[in-house]
Amino acid sequence: MFFMSKNLQYDIIIVGGGHAGIEAALAAARMGCRTLLLTMNQDRIGMLSCNPAVGGLGKGQLVREIDALGGEIARVTDECAIQYRRLNTRKGPAVQATRVQVDRHRYGLSMKRRVENTPGLHLHQGMVEEIIVDKDRVIGVETELGECFTAGRVIITPGTFLNGLIHVGLKHFAGGRMGDPAASGLSASLKELGFNLGRFKTGTCPRLDGRSIDFDRLELQPGDQNPTPFSFSSPPVTMERIPCYIAWTNRRTHEIIRKGLTRSPLFSGVITGRGVRYCPSIEDKVVKFSERDRHHIFLEPEGRDTNEY
């Protein structure tokens, strides 16, 4: 048996400070629940890990629905936007969607500010190692430092961190994302409680130094001139837009990629997880669509104050 001080007791504990965890924590606190948001690193909550863009087909509709329910993702996206694009404009309204390129660093700071300034919501840095259960009922969590927090409900939003594995070429190591550890203890705790764990595959594009790119040889992608804000409550868009760029592969590119497939974890048997449907890696495109002579390569800025693309 363990005993807790009252200041460590909550109505709801949220484990994970990504998109889902932040929205869950904000919603719970706004409904009057004493809420704890636990995250490995307070300075990386709301981080856009793969690509600093919000929305797109399917995902854009989801962002709109979250906004209609009072969520923050659409409002923060509008606040940090650097380019808007309406997709599928040649088709009917039902399949159109908004995609917004945002400033990666500013987005995370804006989300953190909202979390920190929400009454009843407590942000704490710590890695959850164990789900505490008493008589088949979840009553709290314990961190790697031995801190115990109790609550009537625990919501787990782990993202890519449960037994996360990072592949860089043929090298691989444990990690939730580059620079952050995997949640191995939490994974083991869930497995011990009877949950079956699986693994999905997601790819993160390499970053390029914009000073090394000859943009004159690329196709300009300026974005929409009069975009509609993502959020129903945002003011009209007046920010300075930053362009993206498009390049194309060719037959020579494809030949180089095919010769290097033995060094790709996706085709060497190292990766066994299921890949995402609508965002394949370039080598996946070359293999699956071998009849095509070229594919898009998108160059998108990471933010307003960086040379990264």
Protein backbone atom coordinates (compact mmCIF):
# COMPACT_ATOMS: atom_id res chain seq x y z
CA MET A 1 0.00 0.00 0.00
CA PHE A 2 1.20 3.55 -0.73
CA PHE A 3 0.00 6.92 0.51
CA MET A 4 -0.33 10.10 -1.52
CA SER A 5 -0.40 13.74 -0.50
CA LYS A 6 -3.45 15.64 -1.70
CA ASN A 7 -1.43 17.84 -4.06
CA LEU A 8 -0.52 14.74 -6.12
CA GLN A 9 -4.12 13.59 -6.52
CA TYR A 10 -6.00 14.46 -9.69
CA ASP A 11 -9.28 13.75 -11.41
CA ILE A 12 -7.60 12.92 -14.73
CA ILE A 13 -4.00 12.19 -15.72
CA ILE A 14 -2.93 12.58 -19.35
CA VAL A 15 0.26 10.74 -20.35
CA GLY A 16 1.86 12.30 -23.42
CA GLY A 17 2.08 15.92 -24.56
CA GLY A 18 1.47 15.61 -28.29
CA HIS A 19 -1.57 16.76 -30.26
CA ALA A 20 -4.00 14.30 -28.68
CA GLY A 21 -2.65 14.69 -25.16
CA ILE A 22 -2.80 18.48 -25.23
CA GLU A 23 -6.37 18.56 -26.51
CA ALA A 24 -7.45 15.96 -23.93
CA ALA A 25 -5.79 17.88 -21.10
CA LEU A 26 -7.27 21.23 -22.15
CA ALA A 27 -10.76 19.74 -22.53
CA ALA A 28 -10.63 18.06 -19.12
CA ALA A 29 -9.37 21.16 -17.32
CA ARG A 30 -11.92 23.41 -19.00
CA MET A 31 -14.69 21.11 -17.79
CA GLY A 32 -13.53 21.63 -14.23
CA CYS A 33 -11.40 18.53 -13.70
CA ARG A 34 -8.16 18.77 -11.74
CA THR A 35 -5.90 17.62 -14.57
CA LEU A 36 -2.26 16.53 -14.80
CA LEU A 37 -0.40 16.44 -18.11
CA LEU A 38 2.75 14.31 -17.90
CA THR A 39 5.37 14.61 -20.62
CA MET A 40 9.01 13.57 -21.02
CA ASN A 41 10.14 17.08 -21.92
CA GLN A 42 8.10 20.21 -21.25
CA ASP A 43 9.99 22.10 -23.96
CA ARG A 44 8.89 19.64 -26.65
CA ILE A 45 5.15 19.42 -26.06
CA GLY A 46 3.06 19.97 -29.17
CA MET A 47 6.12 19.32 -31.29
CA LEU A 48 5.54 18.72 -35.00
CA SER A 49 7.92 15.79 -35.18
CA CYS A 50 7.76 14.80 -38.82
CA ASN A 51 6.75 17.77 -40.94
CA PRO A 52 5.65 21.23 -39.78
CA ALA A 53 2.29 21.12 -41.53
CA VAL A 54 -1.26 20.71 -40.27
CA GLY A 55 -4.23 19.39 -42.21
CA GLY A 56 -4.51 17.80 -45.61
CA LEU A 57 -6.98 15.25 -46.89
CA GLY A 58 -8.83 13.59 -44.01
CA LYS A 59 -6.63 15.23 -41.40
CA GLY A 60 -7.84 18.70 -42.33
CA GLN A 61 -11.46 17.68 -41.76
CA LEU A 62 -10.48 16.24 -38.37
CA VAL A 63 -8.79 19.50 -37.37
CA ARG A 64 -11.97 21.39 -38.27
CA GLU A 65 -14.06 19.04 -36.15
CA ILE A 66 -11.72 19.48 -33.17
CA ASP A 67 -11.98 23.24 -33.63
CA ALA A 68 -15.79 23.07 -33.62
CA LEU A 69 -15.58 21.24 -30.28
CA GLY A 70 -13.38 23.94 -28.75
CA GLY A 71 -9.93 22.48 -29.41
CA GLU A 72 -6.78 24.53 -29.96
CA ILE A 73 -5.02 22.93 -32.92
CA ALA A 74 -6.74 25.04 -35.59
CA ARG A 75 -6.28 28.32 -33.68
CA VAL A 76 -2.59 27.65 -33.05
CA THR A 77 -2.14 26.65 -36.68
CA ASP A 78 -3.56 29.99 -37.82
CA GLU A 79 -1.37 31.83 -35.32
CA CYS A 80 1.82 30.12 -36.57
CA ALA A 81 0.99 29.73 -40.27
CA ILE A 82 3.46 30.59 -43.00
CA GLN A 83 1.49 29.23 -45.97
CA TYR A 84 -2.05 28.01 -46.75
CA ARG A 85 -3.04 25.70 -49.57
CA ARG A 86 -6.48 24.44 -50.48
CA LEU A 87 -6.16 20.89 -51.88
CA ASN A 88 -8.29 19.18 -54.53
CA THR A 89 -9.82 22.44 -55.73
CA ARG A 90 -10.57 20.87 -59.12
CA LYS A 91 -12.88 18.39 -57.40
CA GLY A 92 -16.07 18.76 -55.41
CA PRO A 93 -16.23 20.43 -51.97
CA ALA A 94 -16.61 17.08 -50.17
CA VAL A 95 -13.05 16.04 -51.04
CA GLN A 96 -11.36 19.42 -50.70
CA ALA A 97 -9.16 20.14 -47.70
CA THR A 98 -6.92 22.80 -46.19
CA ARG A 99 -3.22 22.22 -45.55
CA VAL A 100 -1.17 24.78 -43.64
CA GLN A 101 2.60 25.03 -43.39
CA VAL A 102 3.49 26.38 -39.94
CA ASP A 103 6.53 27.59 -38.04
CA ARG A 104 7.64 24.50 -36.13
CA HIS A 105 9.29 26.28 -33.21
CA ARG A 106 6.58 28.88 -32.77
CA TYR A 107 3.84 26.23 -32.89
CA GLY A 108 5.28 24.33 -29.93
CA LEU A 109 5.76 27.51 -27.90
CA SER A 110 2.20 28.61 -28.58
CA MET A 111 0.77 25.26 -27.49
CA LYS A 112 2.90 25.28 -24.34
CA ARG A 113 1.69 28.76 -23.46
CA ARG A 114 -1.93 27.64 -23.71
CA VAL A 115 -1.29 24.62 -21.49
CA GLU A 116 0.57 26.64 -18.86
CA ASN A 117 -2.13 29.32 -18.68
CA THR A 118 -5.15 27.01 -18.39
CA PRO A 119 -6.63 26.98 -14.85
CA GLY A 120 -6.79 23.55 -13.27
CA LEU A 121 -4.22 22.07 -15.67
CA HIS A 122 -0.85 21.09 -14.21
CA LEU A 123 2.12 20.36 -16.49
CA HIS A 124 4.80 18.05 -15.10
CA GLN A 125 7.95 16.66 -16.70
CA GLY A 126 8.47 12.95 -16.15
CA MET A 127 8.55 9.61 -17.92
CA VAL A 128 5.77 7.26 -16.85
CA GLU A 129 7.13 3.81 -16.08
CA GLU A 130 4.10 2.05 -14.64
CA ILE A 131 0.32 2.16 -14.64
CA ILE A 132 -0.83 1.66 -11.04
CA VAL A 133 -3.77 -0.73 -10.75
CA ASP A 134 -5.72 -1.72 -7.65
CA LYS A 135 -8.31 -4.52 -7.89
CA ASP A 136 -8.43 -4.31 -11.69
CA ARG A 137 -8.97 -0.56 -11.62
CA VAL A 138 -6.50 2.08 -12.76
CA ILE A 139 -5.75 4.48 -9.92
CA GLY A 140 -2.63 6.31 -11.09
CA VAL A 141 0.85 6.24 -12.57
CA GLU A 142 4.45 6.10 -11.39
CA THR A 143 7.33 7.87 -13.12
CA GLU A 144 10.92 6.70 -13.56
CA LEU A 145 11.90 8.88 -10.58
CA GLY A 146 9.46 7.07 -8.33
CA GLU A 147 6.87 9.86 -8.29
CA CYS A 148 3.33 8.54 -7.86
CA PHE A 149 0.26 10.42 -9.03
CA THR A 150 -3.29 9.17 -8.48
CA ALA A 151 -6.43 9.86 -10.47
CA GLY A 152 -9.82 8.38 -11.18
CA ARG A 153 -8.98 8.26 -14.89
CA VAL A 154 -5.73 7.90 -16.86
CA ILE A 155 -5.62 8.74 -20.56
CA ILE A 156 -2.58 7.50 -22.49
CA THR A 157 -1.63 9.35 -25.68
CA PRO A 158 1.84 7.91 -26.42
CA GLY A 159 2.22 8.73 -30.10
CA THR A 160 5.31 6.96 -31.49
CA PHE A 161 6.94 6.38 -28.09
CA LEU A 162 5.68 2.92 -27.04
CA ASN A 163 8.70 0.67 -27.64
CA GLY A 164 9.71 3.21 -30.27
CA LEU A 165 12.46 2.24 -32.69
CA ILE A 166 14.32 4.67 -34.96
CA HIS A 167 15.94 3.58 -38.23
CA VAL A 168 18.62 5.63 -39.99
CA GLY A 169 19.73 3.59 -42.96
CA LEU A 170 20.64 0.16 -41.62
CA LYS A 171 21.33 1.50 -38.13
CA HIS A 172 18.52 1.38 -35.61
CA PHE A 173 18.14 2.27 -31.95
CA ALA A 174 15.42 2.79 -29.36
CA GLY A 175 13.73 6.18 -29.41
CA GLY A 176 10.34 7.84 -29.53
CA ARG A 177 11.62 10.35 -32.06
CA MET A 178 15.05 11.74 -32.87
CA GLY A 179 16.52 13.12 -29.65
CA ASP A 180 13.95 11.57 -27.31
CA PRO A 181 13.92 8.14 -25.60
CA ALA A 182 11.30 5.46 -26.10
CA ALA A 183 8.69 4.82 -23.41
CA SER A 184 9.94 1.29 -22.73
CA GLY A 185 8.73 1.11 -19.14
CA LEU A 186 5.21 2.20 -20.03
CA SER A 187 5.18 -0.32 -22.88
CA ALA A 188 6.16 -3.12 -20.49
CA SER A 189 3.53 -2.03 -17.99
CA LEU A 190 0.77 -2.08 -20.60
CA LYS A 191 1.90 -5.48 -21.82
CA GLU A 192 1.89 -6.82 -18.27
CA LEU A 193 -1.70 -5.60 -17.93
CA GLY A 194 -2.70 -7.71 -20.92
CA PHE A 195 -2.57 -5.24 -23.80
CA ASN A 196 -1.24 -6.39 -27.16
CA LEU A 197 1.34 -3.97 -28.54
CA GLY A 198 1.93 -3.43 -32.24
CA ARG A 199 4.10 -1.08 -34.24
CA PHE A 200 3.36 1.17 -37.18
CA LYS A 201 5.95 2.67 -39.48
CA THR A 202 6.25 6.37 -40.19
CA GLY A 203 8.98 8.11 -42.15
CA THR A 204 10.62 11.45 -41.37
CA CYS A 205 12.09 13.39 -44.26
CA PRO A 206 15.70 14.62 -44.11
CA ARG A 207 16.38 18.31 -43.48
CA LEU A 208 18.30 20.46 -45.95
CA ASP A 209 20.25 23.68 -45.49
CA GLY A 210 18.41 26.26 -47.59
CA ARG A 211 21.70 28.06 -48.30
CA SER A 212 22.82 25.02 -50.30
CA ILE A 213 19.73 24.94 -52.56
CA ASP A 214 19.49 26.59 -55.98
CA PHE A 215 15.86 27.71 -55.75
CA ASP A 216 15.94 29.18 -59.27
CA ARG A 217 15.90 25.63 -60.63
CA LEU A 218 12.82 24.65 -58.62
CA GLU A 219 9.13 25.17 -59.24
CA LEU A 220 7.66 27.86 -56.98
CA GLN A 221 4.66 26.88 -54.84
CA PRO A 222 3.41 30.20 -53.40
CA GLY A 223 0.24 29.05 -51.64
CA ASP A 224 -3.24 30.59 -51.71
CA GLN A 225 -3.59 34.36 -52.12
CA ASN A 226 -6.74 34.80 -50.02
CA PRO A 227 -6.83 31.80 -47.69
CA THR A 228 -9.60 30.95 -45.27
CA PRO A 229 -8.41 30.52 -41.66
CA PHE A 230 -8.40 26.98 -40.31
CA SER A 231 -10.34 27.93 -37.20
CA PHE A 232 -13.88 29.27 -37.21
CA SER A 233 -12.81 31.80 -34.56
CA SER A 234 -9.58 33.10 -36.13
CA PRO A 235 -9.39 36.59 -37.68
CA PRO A 236 -8.71 37.01 -41.42
CA VAL A 237 -5.28 35.86 -42.56
CA THR A 238 -2.84 38.78 -42.87
CA MET A 239 0.52 37.12 -42.22
CA GLU A 240 3.42 37.29 -44.67
CA ARG A 241 3.43 34.10 -46.69
CA ILE A 242 6.59 32.07 -47.33
CA PRO A 243 6.70 29.93 -50.49
CA CYS A 244 7.36 26.23 -50.78
CA TYR A 245 9.08 24.62 -53.76
CA ILE A 246 8.70 21.54 -55.92
CA ALA A 247 11.42 19.46 -57.56
CA TRP A 248 11.07 16.29 -59.64
CA THR A 249 12.94 13.03 -59.67
CA ASN A 250 13.98 11.52 -63.02
CA ARG A 251 15.07 8.16 -64.42
CA ARG A 252 18.62 8.68 -63.18
CA THR A 253 17.29 9.39 -59.68
CA HIS A 254 15.21 6.22 -59.78
CA GLU A 255 18.17 4.14 -60.91
CA ILE A 256 20.26 5.39 -57.97
CA ILE A 257 17.41 4.61 -55.57
CA ARG A 258 16.94 1.08 -56.96
CA LYS A 259 20.65 0.33 -56.61
CA GLY A 260 20.52 1.44 -52.98
CA LEU A 261 17.46 -0.56 -51.92
CA THR A 262 19.67 -3.07 -50.09
CA ARG A 263 20.62 -0.24 -47.73
CA SER A 264 17.02 0.79 -47.14
CA PRO A 265 15.50 -0.66 -43.93
CA LEU A 266 12.13 -0.65 -45.67
CA PHE A 267 13.29 -3.14 -48.31
CA SER A 268 16.05 -5.05 -46.51
CA GLY A 269 13.66 -6.71 -44.05
CA VAL A 270 14.74 -4.61 -41.06
CA ILE A 271 11.38 -2.81 -40.86
CA THR A 272 8.34 -5.03 -40.49
CA GLY A 273 5.75 -2.47 -39.35
CA ARG A 274 2.92 -1.30 -41.58
CA GLY A 275 3.66 1.96 -43.39
CA VAL A 276 1.40 4.96 -43.75
CA ARG A 277 -0.95 4.90 -46.73
CA TYR A 278 -0.74 8.40 -48.13
CA CYS A 279 2.82 9.45 -47.29
CA PRO A 280 5.19 6.84 -48.74
CA SER A 281 8.97 7.17 -48.72
CA ILE A 282 10.63 8.02 -52.02
CA GLU A 283 12.03 4.50 -52.42
CA ASP A 284 8.54 3.11 -51.80
CA LYS A 285 7.16 5.33 -54.58
CA VAL A 286 9.86 4.27 -57.02
CA VAL A 287 9.17 0.56 -56.39
CA LYS A 288 5.37 0.68 -56.23
CA PHE A 289 4.97 3.02 -59.20
CA SER A 290 7.80 1.77 -61.36
CA GLU A 291 5.94 2.76 -64.53
CA ARG A 292 6.33 6.46 -63.69
CA ASP A 293 9.37 8.40 -64.88
CA ARG A 294 9.25 11.04 -62.16
CA HIS A 295 7.82 11.89 -58.74
CA HIS A 296 7.33 15.10 -56.77
CA ILE A 297 9.84 16.22 -54.16
CA PHE A 298 8.50 18.99 -51.93
CA LEU A 299 10.80 21.50 -50.22
CA GLU A 300 9.01 23.17 -47.33
CA PRO A 301 10.44 25.71 -44.84
CA GLU A 302 10.69 24.74 -41.18
CA GLY A 303 9.91 28.27 -40.01
CA ARG A 304 10.48 31.98 -40.45
CA ASP A 305 13.80 32.20 -38.59
CA THR A 306 15.70 29.19 -39.91
CA ASN A 307 17.40 28.03 -43.11
CA GLU A 308 16.07 24.49 -42.74
CA TYR A 309 13.85 22.91 -45.41
